[in-house]
Amino acid sequence: MKPTIAPFPAARPRRVRQTPAIRALVRENTLTPDDLIWPVFVRDGVNIEEPVPSMPGVMRRSVDLIAKAAKEAWELGVPAICLFPYTDPSLKTEDCAEAWNPDNLCNRAIRAIKEAAPEMAVMTDVALDPYNINGHDGFVENGEIVNDRTVEALVKMTLAQAEAGADIIGPSDMMDGRIKAMRDALEAEGHQKVMILSYSAKYASSYYGPFRDAVGASGALTGDKKTYQMDPGNSDEAMRLIQRDLNEGADMVMIKPGQPYLDICRRAKDMFGVPTFAYQVSGEYAMIQAAAQNGWIDGEKIMLESLLCFKRAGCDGVLTYFAPAVARLLND
């Protein structure tokens, strides 16, 4: 689009900014609860709600309280929830078998949410790090994160989640070829309606620290994830990976982290025109909360502005820990 504007004073752009009513009429992007996916952390036990110290306001909840929280979020207008397990260290192994246990934390939580809020969309995470004694998203052999054996395990994990009732599978592992393998398996096992929201452009970012605390992966991780997650300096590569995942059967794509990578969101939406999401990750959330608690920023205003920026950059929705708080504000 080439802007056309008359010379001053015929054109006075401030005319369309003079009142709240006029600003609302010409606003190009808006934020609603429909744009939100709420990431939550599930832990073992009953009636347990414990804070995550590095993420003020975020809790690990037992399955019963996850179901209750999901119902409350649904009633606020949040359409989807995404599950991340805080796995007991005793269940973390070299073979990661707990990842596809039909009765693991994540699968029990899917069923509980579907009972409490049947219409809410339930998204899951597909990666081995919550179950891996090494803290990596894939199997580690002789110090290397191996690809093809990991993909086989991820397929088993995907099918277990689909059978538990997941609506959206979220592969966050960044292994090569996993989308085709998952899509083929879902089709073969009669799960044609299950969607794949692929973390197609997931960067090897330092913004994930608080999340790893929340799922108990920080202490287990050996080395880094740079051989499978993306280099933060790359943009064209992200487009190639998104195209690959779409060709393999992804329904939607994700960029992670979020706000520091809005250029990737914009490029992805312009280039592919598919449902595009971003994850406002733990580090982004923690920085906003910390600054707000110190009185350096207006937390509510920054929260809303940050999410509106995702919409402006082309995102159809955002995974954000702020989801219930945002929905309450927007409803008011």
Protein backbone atom coordinates (compact mmCIF):
# COMPACT_ATOMS: atom_id res chain seq x y z
CA MET A 1 0.00 0.00 0.00
CA LYS A 2 1.31 3.43 -0.97
CA PRO A 3 0.01 6.11 1.45
CA THR A 4 -1.78 9.07 -0.13
CA ILE A 5 -2.08 12.24 1.91
CA ALA A 6 -2.89 15.86 1.06
CA PRO A 7 -0.48 18.63 2.04
CA PHE A 8 -0.99 20.55 5.31
CA PRO A 9 -3.38 22.11 6.27
CA ALA A 10 -5.82 20.13 4.08
CA ALA A 11 -4.52 17.05 5.83
CA ARG A 12 -4.36 17.20 9.59
CA PRO A 13 -3.74 13.61 10.81
CA ARG A 14 -4.51 14.68 14.38
CA ARG A 15 -8.19 15.03 13.41
CA VAL A 16 -8.63 11.26 13.68
CA ARG A 17 -6.92 11.14 17.07
CA GLN A 18 -8.87 13.82 18.88
CA THR A 19 -11.38 11.76 20.93
CA PRO A 20 -11.70 8.18 22.22
CA ALA A 21 -14.71 7.63 19.96
CA ILE A 22 -12.87 8.71 16.81
CA ARG A 23 -9.75 6.75 17.75
CA ALA A 24 -11.92 3.66 18.19
CA LEU A 25 -13.49 4.14 14.75
CA VAL A 26 -10.15 4.23 12.93
CA ARG A 27 -8.23 1.70 15.02
CA GLU A 28 -6.59 -0.86 12.75
CA ASN A 29 -6.15 -3.67 15.30
CA THR A 30 -8.01 -4.67 18.44
CA LEU A 31 -7.47 -7.17 21.23
CA THR A 32 -10.23 -9.45 22.54
CA PRO A 33 -10.29 -12.54 24.81
CA ASP A 34 -10.71 -14.60 21.63
CA ASP A 35 -7.06 -13.85 20.82
CA LEU A 36 -5.69 -15.61 23.91
CA ILE A 37 -4.30 -19.04 24.73
CA TRP A 38 -3.46 -19.52 28.41
CA PRO A 39 -0.32 -21.58 29.19
CA VAL A 40 -0.60 -23.36 32.56
CA PHE A 41 1.62 -25.64 34.64
CA VAL A 42 0.23 -28.86 36.05
CA ARG A 43 1.76 -30.84 38.91
CA ASP A 44 0.92 -33.98 40.84
CA GLY A 45 -1.21 -34.05 43.98
CA VAL A 46 -4.65 -32.84 45.01
CA ASN A 47 -5.80 -29.30 45.88
CA ILE A 48 -2.28 -27.91 45.38
CA GLU A 49 -1.51 -24.45 44.08
CA GLU A 50 2.07 -23.30 44.45
CA PRO A 51 3.67 -20.13 43.08
CA VAL A 52 6.48 -20.09 40.54
CA PRO A 53 8.96 -17.67 42.18
CA SER A 54 10.43 -16.35 38.94
CA MET A 55 6.98 -15.73 37.43
CA PRO A 56 4.95 -13.58 39.85
CA GLY A 57 1.26 -14.50 39.71
CA VAL A 58 1.84 -17.83 37.92
CA MET A 59 1.02 -21.08 39.71
CA ARG A 60 1.68 -24.78 39.40
CA ARG A 61 -1.68 -26.46 39.99
CA SER A 62 -2.75 -30.00 40.63
CA VAL A 63 -5.07 -31.58 38.08
CA ASP A 64 -8.24 -30.80 40.03
CA LEU A 65 -7.35 -27.11 40.32
CA ILE A 66 -6.21 -26.96 36.69
CA ALA A 67 -9.71 -28.08 35.70
CA LYS A 68 -11.29 -25.46 37.96
CA ALA A 69 -9.01 -22.71 36.60
CA ALA A 70 -9.77 -23.76 33.03
CA LYS A 71 -13.50 -23.47 33.64
CA GLU A 72 -13.04 -20.00 35.13
CA ALA A 73 -10.91 -18.92 32.16
CA TRP A 74 -13.50 -20.26 29.73
CA GLU A 75 -16.21 -18.26 31.50
CA LEU A 76 -14.03 -15.15 31.05
CA GLY A 77 -13.96 -15.80 27.32
CA VAL A 78 -10.50 -17.39 26.99
CA PRO A 79 -11.02 -20.01 24.25
CA ALA A 80 -7.96 -22.21 24.73
CA ILE A 81 -5.55 -23.49 27.36
CA CYS A 82 -2.10 -25.03 26.89
CA LEU A 83 -0.68 -27.61 29.31
CA PHE A 84 2.89 -27.97 30.54
CA PRO A 85 3.72 -30.65 33.12
CA TYR A 86 5.93 -30.28 36.20
CA THR A 87 7.08 -33.90 36.22
CA ASP A 88 8.28 -35.62 39.38
CA PRO A 89 12.08 -36.02 39.03
CA SER A 90 11.72 -39.74 39.78
CA LEU A 91 9.77 -40.12 36.52
CA LYS A 92 12.46 -38.49 34.37
CA THR A 93 14.45 -41.15 32.56
CA GLU A 94 16.80 -41.72 29.66
CA ASP A 95 14.02 -43.36 27.62
CA CYS A 96 11.42 -40.64 28.49
CA ALA A 97 8.66 -43.29 28.63
CA GLU A 98 6.49 -41.14 30.89
CA ALA A 99 5.96 -38.82 27.90
CA TRP A 100 3.48 -41.24 26.31
CA ASN A 101 2.03 -42.77 29.47
CA PRO A 102 -1.78 -42.51 28.99
CA ASP A 103 -2.10 -41.53 32.65
CA ASN A 104 0.69 -38.99 32.89
CA LEU A 105 0.01 -35.55 34.32
CA CYS A 106 -0.73 -33.91 31.00
CA ASN A 107 -3.14 -36.59 29.80
CA ARG A 108 -5.01 -36.65 33.11
CA ALA A 109 -5.31 -32.86 32.93
CA ILE A 110 -6.69 -33.01 29.38
CA ARG A 111 -9.48 -35.32 30.49
CA ALA A 112 -10.22 -33.23 33.59
CA ILE A 113 -10.46 -30.01 31.58
CA LYS A 114 -12.69 -31.63 28.98
CA GLU A 115 -15.03 -32.69 31.78
CA ALA A 116 -15.04 -29.25 33.47
CA ALA A 117 -15.15 -27.08 30.32
CA PRO A 118 -16.04 -29.33 27.37
CA GLU A 119 -16.02 -26.57 24.76
CA MET A 120 -12.63 -25.17 25.69
CA ALA A 121 -9.85 -26.01 23.25
CA VAL A 122 -7.03 -27.92 24.93
CA MET A 123 -3.52 -27.57 23.52
CA THR A 124 -0.58 -29.69 24.55
CA ASP A 125 3.18 -29.48 24.34
CA VAL A 126 5.12 -32.15 22.43
CA ALA A 127 8.77 -32.31 23.44
CA LEU A 128 10.72 -34.67 25.67
CA ASP A 129 12.32 -32.14 28.02
CA PRO A 130 9.76 -32.49 30.87
CA TYR A 131 10.47 -36.25 30.94
CA ASN A 132 14.14 -36.36 29.99
CA ILE A 133 16.74 -36.83 32.71
CA ASN A 134 19.04 -34.75 30.48
CA GLY A 135 16.61 -31.84 30.19
CA HIS A 136 16.67 -31.86 26.38
CA ASP A 137 13.78 -31.92 23.92
CA GLY A 138 15.22 -35.06 22.31
CA PHE A 139 17.18 -38.16 23.17
CA VAL A 140 20.84 -37.64 23.97
CA GLU A 141 23.33 -40.16 22.57
CA ASN A 142 27.06 -39.62 23.07
CA GLY A 143 26.43 -35.96 23.77
CA GLU A 144 24.35 -35.45 20.60
CA ILE A 145 20.60 -34.77 20.46
CA VAL A 146 19.51 -37.35 17.91
CA ASN A 147 16.71 -36.56 15.49
CA ASP A 148 15.00 -39.62 14.04
CA ARG A 149 14.76 -41.69 17.21
CA THR A 150 13.34 -38.61 18.95
CA VAL A 151 10.69 -38.19 16.25
CA GLU A 152 9.51 -41.76 16.85
CA ALA A 153 9.03 -40.95 20.54
CA LEU A 154 7.26 -37.68 19.76
CA VAL A 155 4.77 -39.56 17.59
CA LYS A 156 3.92 -41.84 20.52
CA MET A 157 3.51 -38.80 22.74
CA THR A 158 1.26 -37.14 20.15
CA LEU A 159 -1.03 -40.15 19.88
CA ALA A 160 -1.34 -40.47 23.66
CA GLN A 161 -2.40 -36.82 23.90
CA ALA A 162 -4.86 -37.13 21.02
CA GLU A 163 -6.41 -40.20 22.61
CA ALA A 164 -6.77 -38.28 25.90
CA GLY A 165 -8.83 -35.65 24.06
CA ALA A 166 -6.38 -32.91 23.05
CA ASP A 167 -7.69 -30.58 20.34
CA ILE A 168 -4.38 -28.98 19.37
CA ILE A 169 -0.94 -30.61 19.37
CA GLY A 170 1.94 -28.19 19.88
CA PRO A 171 5.28 -29.68 18.79
CA SER A 172 7.94 -27.47 20.39
CA ASP A 173 10.92 -29.79 19.93
CA MET A 174 12.28 -28.42 16.62
CA MET A 175 13.30 -31.86 15.32
CA ASP A 176 13.36 -32.29 11.54
CA GLY A 177 10.48 -34.19 9.96
CA ARG A 178 8.33 -34.41 13.04
CA ILE A 179 5.25 -32.68 11.58
CA LYS A 180 4.84 -35.18 8.74
CA ALA A 181 5.38 -38.09 11.12
CA MET A 182 2.78 -36.74 13.55
CA ARG A 183 0.25 -35.92 10.85
CA ASP A 184 0.60 -39.35 9.25
CA ALA A 185 0.13 -41.06 12.62
CA LEU A 186 -2.89 -38.95 13.55
CA GLU A 187 -4.55 -39.73 10.23
CA ALA A 188 -3.78 -43.43 10.50
CA GLU A 189 -5.19 -43.66 14.03
CA GLY A 190 -8.45 -41.84 13.25
CA HIS A 191 -7.56 -38.47 14.76
CA GLN A 192 -8.23 -36.46 11.59
CA LYS A 193 -9.75 -33.55 13.53
CA VAL A 194 -6.74 -33.00 15.79
CA MET A 195 -4.87 -29.84 14.81
CA ILE A 196 -1.14 -29.19 14.80
CA LEU A 197 0.04 -25.76 15.93
CA SER A 198 3.72 -26.12 15.16
CA TYR A 199 6.43 -24.18 16.93
CA SER A 200 7.97 -23.68 13.49
CA ALA A 201 10.31 -20.84 14.41
CA LYS A 202 11.48 -21.47 17.95
CA TYR A 203 14.69 -19.66 18.75
CA ALA A 204 17.51 -20.70 21.10
CA SER A 205 16.62 -17.81 23.37
CA SER A 206 17.64 -16.66 26.82
CA TYR A 207 14.05 -15.57 27.45
CA TYR A 208 13.01 -19.09 28.53
CA GLY A 209 14.71 -19.18 31.95
CA PRO A 210 11.65 -18.76 34.20
CA PHE A 211 9.72 -21.38 32.18
CA ARG A 212 12.44 -23.95 32.79
CA ASP A 213 12.14 -23.20 36.50
CA ALA A 214 8.38 -23.69 36.28
CA VAL A 215 8.62 -27.16 34.71
CA GLY A 216 11.65 -28.20 36.76
CA ALA A 217 13.98 -28.51 33.76
CA SER A 218 16.66 -25.98 34.71
CA GLY A 219 18.74 -28.27 36.89
CA ALA A 220 18.48 -31.22 34.53
CA LEU A 221 19.64 -29.45 31.37
CA THR A 222 23.15 -30.31 30.24
CA GLY A 223 24.65 -28.00 27.63
CA ASP A 224 22.35 -25.86 25.49
CA LYS A 225 19.73 -26.31 22.76
CA LYS A 226 21.50 -24.51 19.93
CA THR A 227 21.80 -27.57 17.68
CA TYR A 228 18.03 -27.77 17.27
CA GLN A 229 16.52 -24.42 18.21
CA MET A 230 17.11 -21.48 15.85
CA ASP A 231 19.90 -18.92 15.87
CA PRO A 232 18.45 -15.55 17.00
CA GLY A 233 20.30 -13.87 14.12
CA ASN A 234 18.30 -15.67 11.43
CA SER A 235 15.10 -14.58 9.71
CA ASP A 236 15.09 -16.23 6.26
CA GLU A 237 15.63 -19.60 7.93
CA ALA A 238 12.41 -19.10 9.89
CA MET A 239 10.48 -18.72 6.64
CA ARG A 240 11.97 -21.94 5.29
CA LEU A 241 11.04 -23.83 8.44
CA ILE A 242 7.50 -22.47 8.45
CA GLN A 243 7.06 -23.46 4.81
CA ARG A 244 8.39 -26.93 5.56
CA ASP A 245 5.98 -27.46 8.47
CA LEU A 246 3.01 -26.27 6.42
CA ASN A 247 3.98 -28.63 3.61
CA GLU A 248 4.16 -31.48 6.11
CA GLY A 249 0.66 -30.88 7.50
CA ALA A 250 0.75 -28.15 10.16
CA ASP A 251 -2.55 -26.27 10.45
CA MET A 252 -1.11 -23.26 12.28
CA VAL A 253 2.35 -21.94 13.06
CA MET A 254 4.04 -20.41 16.09
CA ILE A 255 6.89 -17.97 16.60
CA LYS A 256 8.69 -18.15 19.94
CA PRO A 257 9.71 -15.94 21.74
CA GLY A 258 7.17 -13.26 20.97
CA GLN A 259 7.73 -9.55 21.24
CA PRO A 260 11.50 -9.58 20.46
CA TYR A 261 10.60 -11.46 17.26
CA LEU A 262 7.67 -9.43 15.92
CA ASP A 263 9.51 -9.04 12.62
CA ILE A 264 9.30 -12.82 12.18
CA CYS A 265 5.56 -12.75 12.96
CA ARG A 266 4.99 -10.06 10.33
CA ARG A 267 7.04 -11.84 7.68
CA ALA A 268 5.30 -15.15 8.36
CA LYS A 269 1.82 -13.69 8.10
CA ASP A 270 2.61 -11.73 4.95
CA MET A 271 4.34 -14.65 3.25
CA PHE A 272 2.03 -17.53 4.12
CA GLY A 273 -1.33 -16.06 5.20
CA VAL A 274 -2.00 -18.94 7.60
CA PRO A 275 -3.13 -18.78 11.25
CA THR A 276 -0.06 -17.35 12.96
CA PHE A 277 0.59 -17.31 16.69
CA ALA A 278 3.31 -16.10 19.01
CA TYR A 279 4.26 -17.09 22.53
CA GLN A 280 4.77 -14.25 25.00
CA VAL A 281 7.29 -16.33 26.88
CA SER A 282 8.19 -16.52 30.55
CA GLY A 283 11.04 -14.02 30.34
CA GLU A 284 8.83 -11.44 28.67
CA TYR A 285 6.14 -11.97 31.32
CA ALA A 286 8.61 -11.89 34.21
CA MET A 287 10.20 -8.62 33.06
CA ILE A 288 6.83 -6.89 32.83
CA GLN A 289 5.79 -8.18 36.25
CA ALA A 290 9.08 -7.27 37.89
CA ALA A 291 9.04 -3.73 36.51
CA ALA A 292 5.40 -3.29 37.53
CA GLN A 293 6.05 -4.54 41.06
CA ASN A 294 8.87 -2.02 41.38
CA GLY A 295 6.59 0.79 40.26
CA TRP A 296 8.64 1.50 37.15
CA ILE A 297 5.78 0.88 34.70
CA ASP A 298 2.00 0.64 34.71
CA GLY A 299 1.65 -3.14 34.60
CA GLU A 300 -1.91 -3.29 33.27
CA LYS A 301 -1.28 -0.78 30.48
CA ILE A 302 1.96 -2.46 29.41
CA MET A 303 0.29 -5.87 29.49
CA LEU A 304 -2.45 -4.72 27.12
CA GLU A 305 -0.10 -2.75 24.87
CA SER A 306 2.32 -5.64 24.54
CA LEU A 307 -0.46 -7.98 23.41
CA LEU A 308 -1.91 -5.45 20.97
CA CYS A 309 1.55 -5.26 19.39
CA PHE A 310 1.28 -8.95 18.50
CA LYS A 311 -1.99 -8.29 16.68
CA ARG A 312 -0.46 -5.37 14.80
CA ALA A 313 2.42 -7.62 13.74
CA GLY A 314 -0.04 -10.03 12.13
CA CYS A 315 -0.66 -12.61 14.85
CA ASP A 316 -4.07 -14.24 15.03
CA GLY A 317 -3.52 -15.08 18.69
CA VAL A 318 -1.01 -15.14 21.52
CA LEU A 319 -0.02 -17.64 24.18
CA THR A 320 0.28 -15.50 27.29
CA TYR A 321 0.36 -16.04 31.04
CA PHE A 322 -1.65 -12.82 31.29
CA ALA A 323 -4.69 -14.39 29.60
CA PRO A 324 -7.21 -14.43 32.50
CA ALA A 325 -6.15 -10.98 33.74
CA VAL A 326 -6.43 -9.55 30.22
CA ALA A 327 -9.84 -11.13 29.71
CA ARG A 328 -11.12 -9.61 32.95
CA LEU A 329 -9.92 -6.15 31.94
CA LEU A 330 -11.34 -6.40 28.42
CA ASN A 331 -14.67 -7.67 29.74
CA ASP A 332 -14.89 -4.73 32.13
